[in-house]
N, C-alpha and C. Protein backbone atom coordinates (compact mmCIF):
# COMPACT_ATOMS: atom_id res chain seq x y z
N MET A 1 -65.89 61.07 58.34
CA MET A 1 -64.85 61.46 58.15
C MET A 1 -64.28 63.10 58.65
N SER A 2 -63.14 62.87 59.71
CA SER A 2 -62.78 64.98 59.62
C SER A 2 -61.83 65.05 59.18
N GLU A 3 -61.91 65.98 58.72
CA GLU A 3 -60.82 66.53 57.83
C GLU A 3 -59.76 66.71 58.89
N LYS A 4 -57.98 66.68 58.30
CA LYS A 4 -57.44 66.71 59.08
C LYS A 4 -56.15 68.35 58.99
N SER A 5 -56.27 69.46 59.96
CA SER A 5 -55.82 70.18 60.52
C SER A 5 -54.01 69.73 59.86
N SER A 6 -53.94 70.59 59.28
CA SER A 6 -52.54 70.76 58.66
C SER A 6 -50.95 71.67 59.61
N HIS A 7 -50.72 71.77 59.92
CA HIS A 7 -49.47 72.44 60.80
C HIS A 7 -48.06 73.02 60.74
N LYS A 8 -48.03 73.80 60.05
CA LYS A 8 -47.30 73.21 58.83
C LYS A 8 -46.18 75.08 59.12
N LYS A 9 -44.39 74.63 59.39
CA LYS A 9 -44.71 75.21 60.39
C LYS A 9 -44.40 77.00 58.56
N THR A 10 -44.36 78.21 59.59
CA THR A 10 -43.88 78.82 58.81
C THR A 10 -42.68 79.84 59.22
N GLN A 11 -42.26 80.57 58.28
CA GLN A 11 -40.77 81.98 58.57
C GLN A 11 -40.78 82.84 58.56
N GLN A 12 -40.39 84.01 58.16
CA GLN A 12 -40.36 84.67 58.04
C GLN A 12 -38.67 85.38 57.84
N GLY A 13 -38.16 85.82 56.49
CA GLY A 13 -37.84 86.23 56.05
C GLY A 13 -37.57 87.14 55.33
N SER A 14 -35.96 87.25 54.26
CA SER A 14 -35.51 88.28 53.28
C SER A 14 -35.09 87.40 51.81
N VAL A 15 -35.69 87.41 51.07
CA VAL A 15 -35.10 87.24 50.33
C VAL A 15 -32.84 87.60 49.32
N VAL A 16 -32.99 86.60 50.02
CA VAL A 16 -31.07 87.24 49.34
C VAL A 16 -30.80 86.53 48.53
N SER A 17 -30.96 86.44 46.95
CA SER A 17 -30.67 85.58 45.87
C SER A 17 -32.03 84.36 45.60
N ASN A 18 -31.99 85.12 44.50
CA ASN A 18 -32.91 84.82 43.14
C ASN A 18 -32.18 84.37 41.69
N GLY A 19 -31.29 83.72 41.49
CA GLY A 19 -30.68 83.75 40.50
C GLY A 19 -30.99 82.70 39.58
N MET A 20 -31.90 81.58 40.67
CA MET A 20 -31.61 80.23 40.14
C MET A 20 -33.25 79.81 39.44
N ASP A 21 -34.21 79.21 38.63
CA ASP A 21 -35.40 78.97 37.89
C ASP A 21 -36.34 78.56 39.51
N LYS A 22 -37.26 79.57 39.83
CA LYS A 22 -37.78 78.37 40.24
C LYS A 22 -37.64 78.30 42.18
N SER A 23 -36.17 79.32 41.80
CA SER A 23 -35.91 78.92 43.41
C SER A 23 -35.65 80.43 43.93
N VAL A 24 -35.71 80.95 45.08
CA VAL A 24 -35.36 81.48 45.79
C VAL A 24 -33.90 81.51 46.85
N VAL A 25 -33.22 81.93 47.89
CA VAL A 25 -32.97 81.57 48.87
C VAL A 25 -32.92 82.36 50.11
N VAL A 26 -34.01 82.45 51.43
CA VAL A 26 -34.67 83.26 52.19
C VAL A 26 -33.42 83.47 53.52
N LEU A 27 -33.38 84.30 54.26
CA LEU A 27 -32.28 84.37 55.29
C LEU A 27 -33.53 85.01 56.07
N VAL A 28 -33.08 83.87 56.94
CA VAL A 28 -34.13 83.69 58.34
C VAL A 28 -33.81 84.80 59.58
N GLU A 29 -33.46 85.40 60.70
CA GLU A 29 -33.17 85.91 61.53
C GLU A 29 -33.32 85.95 62.62
N ARG A 30 -33.33 85.70 63.89
CA ARG A 30 -34.16 85.15 64.87
C ARG A 30 -33.19 85.31 66.41
N LYS A 31 -33.35 86.36 67.31
CA LYS A 31 -33.15 86.21 68.64
C LYS A 31 -33.07 85.43 69.34
N VAL A 32 -32.67 84.88 69.94
CA VAL A 32 -32.33 83.78 71.22
C VAL A 32 -31.18 84.57 72.13
N ARG A 33 -31.96 84.14 73.37
CA ARG A 33 -31.17 84.39 74.85
C ARG A 33 -30.18 84.16 75.24
N HIS A 34 -29.54 84.47 75.55
CA HIS A 34 -27.97 83.42 76.14
C HIS A 34 -28.50 83.36 77.08
N LYS A 35 -28.28 81.79 77.60
CA LYS A 35 -28.40 81.46 78.49
C LYS A 35 -27.61 81.76 79.97
N LEU A 36 -26.71 82.56 80.55
CA LEU A 36 -25.34 82.77 80.93
C LEU A 36 -25.20 84.38 81.32
N TYR A 37 -25.59 85.28 80.48
CA TYR A 37 -25.56 86.47 80.27
C TYR A 37 -26.79 87.48 80.09
N GLY A 38 -27.50 85.75 79.13
CA GLY A 38 -29.17 86.82 79.08
C GLY A 38 -28.84 87.86 77.95
N LYS A 39 -27.72 88.09 77.45
CA LYS A 39 -27.98 89.08 75.82
C LYS A 39 -28.58 88.51 74.79
N TYR A 40 -29.31 89.83 73.88
CA TYR A 40 -29.92 88.76 72.90
C TYR A 40 -28.86 88.22 71.73
N ILE A 41 -28.62 87.70 71.29
CA ILE A 41 -27.83 86.94 70.01
C ILE A 41 -28.63 86.84 68.50
N ARG A 42 -28.62 87.46 67.75
CA ARG A 42 -29.45 87.48 66.29
C ARG A 42 -28.81 85.64 65.54
N ARG A 43 -29.87 84.51 65.73
CA ARG A 43 -28.81 83.07 65.25
C ARG A 43 -29.46 83.75 63.06
N ARG A 44 -29.03 83.34 62.33
CA ARG A 44 -29.80 83.91 61.49
C ARG A 44 -29.40 81.64 60.29
N VAL A 45 -30.21 81.55 59.63
CA VAL A 45 -30.10 80.34 58.80
C VAL A 45 -30.19 81.09 57.42
N LYS A 46 -30.56 80.01 56.08
CA LYS A 46 -30.86 80.28 54.85
C LYS A 46 -31.74 78.93 54.60
N TYR A 47 -32.99 79.23 53.75
CA TYR A 47 -33.00 78.98 53.13
C TYR A 47 -33.64 78.15 51.57
N MET A 48 -33.36 76.96 50.97
CA MET A 48 -33.95 77.07 49.70
C MET A 48 -35.26 77.66 49.91
N ALA A 49 -36.12 77.89 49.38
CA ALA A 49 -37.88 78.41 48.46
C ALA A 49 -38.63 77.34 46.97
N HIS A 50 -39.02 77.15 47.04
CA HIS A 50 -40.00 77.50 45.78
C HIS A 50 -40.33 78.29 45.40
N ASP A 51 -40.07 79.02 44.42
CA ASP A 51 -41.13 80.21 43.67
C ASP A 51 -42.07 80.07 42.46
N PRO A 52 -42.95 78.94 42.44
CA PRO A 52 -43.79 78.94 41.30
C PRO A 52 -42.82 79.19 40.17
N ALA A 53 -43.79 80.85 39.88
CA ALA A 53 -43.78 82.43 39.45
C ALA A 53 -42.73 82.33 39.38
N ASN A 54 -41.48 82.70 39.71
CA ASN A 54 -40.83 83.80 39.66
C ASN A 54 -40.70 84.54 40.17
N GLU A 55 -41.69 85.24 40.74
CA GLU A 55 -42.04 86.99 40.96
C GLU A 55 -41.23 87.66 42.34
N CYS A 56 -40.41 86.40 43.32
CA CYS A 56 -39.56 87.22 44.38
C CYS A 56 -38.30 87.70 43.75
N ASN A 57 -38.33 89.13 44.29
CA ASN A 57 -36.72 89.92 43.68
C ASN A 57 -36.31 89.67 45.42
N VAL A 58 -34.27 90.42 45.35
CA VAL A 58 -33.66 90.37 46.15
C VAL A 58 -33.83 91.49 46.76
N GLY A 59 -33.94 91.54 48.09
CA GLY A 59 -34.76 92.58 49.11
C GLY A 59 -36.53 92.26 49.91
N ASP A 60 -37.06 91.44 48.61
CA ASP A 60 -38.51 90.92 49.05
C ASP A 60 -38.56 90.62 50.69
N THR A 61 -39.30 90.78 51.09
CA THR A 61 -39.93 89.93 52.59
C THR A 61 -40.65 88.80 52.23
N VAL A 62 -40.81 87.61 52.27
CA VAL A 62 -41.34 86.53 52.05
C VAL A 62 -41.77 85.62 53.62
N LEU A 63 -42.68 84.88 53.35
CA LEU A 63 -43.43 84.59 53.89
C LEU A 63 -43.57 82.37 53.67
N ILE A 64 -42.54 81.81 54.08
CA ILE A 64 -42.01 80.07 53.48
C ILE A 64 -43.09 79.45 54.47
N GLU A 65 -43.01 78.60 53.66
CA GLU A 65 -43.83 77.36 54.64
C GLU A 65 -43.10 75.97 54.63
N GLU A 66 -42.66 75.46 55.06
CA GLU A 66 -42.68 73.68 54.82
C GLU A 66 -43.32 73.30 54.15
N CYS A 67 -42.90 72.34 53.41
CA CYS A 67 -43.38 71.23 52.49
C CYS A 67 -42.89 70.33 52.24
N ARG A 68 -42.75 69.20 51.72
CA ARG A 68 -42.60 67.91 51.03
C ARG A 68 -40.84 68.14 50.62
N PRO A 69 -39.66 67.87 50.34
CA PRO A 69 -38.52 68.24 49.77
C PRO A 69 -38.88 67.38 48.05
N LEU A 70 -38.72 68.99 47.61
CA LEU A 70 -38.89 69.18 46.22
C LEU A 70 -37.13 68.61 45.50
N SER A 71 -36.09 69.13 46.18
CA SER A 71 -35.28 68.49 45.97
C SER A 71 -33.70 68.51 46.61
N LYS A 72 -32.60 68.46 47.18
CA LYS A 72 -31.97 68.32 47.55
C LYS A 72 -32.15 68.93 48.37
N ASN A 73 -31.93 70.40 48.27
CA ASN A 73 -31.55 71.39 49.33
C ASN A 73 -33.27 71.98 49.60
N LYS A 74 -34.20 72.16 48.89
CA LYS A 74 -35.10 72.87 48.55
C LYS A 74 -36.56 72.04 49.70
N ARG A 75 -36.87 72.69 50.61
CA ARG A 75 -38.02 71.81 51.55
C ARG A 75 -38.81 72.74 51.82
N TRP A 76 -38.62 74.35 51.47
CA TRP A 76 -39.95 75.31 51.67
C TRP A 76 -40.30 76.02 50.22
N LEU A 77 -41.36 76.71 50.50
CA LEU A 77 -42.62 76.88 49.47
C LEU A 77 -42.22 78.82 50.00
N VAL A 78 -42.79 79.35 48.71
CA VAL A 78 -42.82 80.77 49.40
C VAL A 78 -44.29 80.63 48.79
N ARG A 79 -44.92 81.25 50.57
CA ARG A 79 -46.78 81.57 50.88
C ARG A 79 -46.91 82.67 50.18
N THR A 80 -46.52 83.59 50.49
CA THR A 80 -46.54 85.20 50.50
C THR A 80 -45.83 86.29 50.38
N ILE A 81 -45.45 87.00 49.23
CA ILE A 81 -45.19 88.58 49.67
C ILE A 81 -44.97 89.47 51.12
N VAL A 82 -44.52 89.42 51.51
CA VAL A 82 -45.24 91.03 52.26
C VAL A 82 -45.12 91.77 52.41
N GLU A 83 -43.84 91.91 51.72
CA GLU A 83 -43.13 93.20 51.46
C GLU A 83 -42.36 93.52 50.59
N ARG A 84 -42.36 94.17 48.90
CA ARG A 84 -41.16 93.93 47.64
C ARG A 84 -40.43 94.97 48.37
N ALA A 85 -39.48 95.04 47.99
CA ALA A 85 -37.67 95.95 48.21
C ALA A 85 -38.11 97.11 47.52
N VAL A 86 -37.63 98.41 47.34
CA VAL A 86 -37.73 99.68 47.49
C VAL A 86 -36.91 99.47 45.63
């Protein structure tokens, strides 16, 4: 039997809310090139992520990974805290 290698999506963003128990809201920002004009535009998406140890604070930069649906809106899991907020 060979092991399956899971290729789960990961995103990096900053925590904008941690008011819930074991959940955080992460803002992921990416730059997209405009088709016609070529200018780079910022696109932002907010993801709810599972934080089982309640370690994240507002302003932290975190790495999130996709997982199975944990609730109505939570489909991401906090993997690591890349940088703590000052």
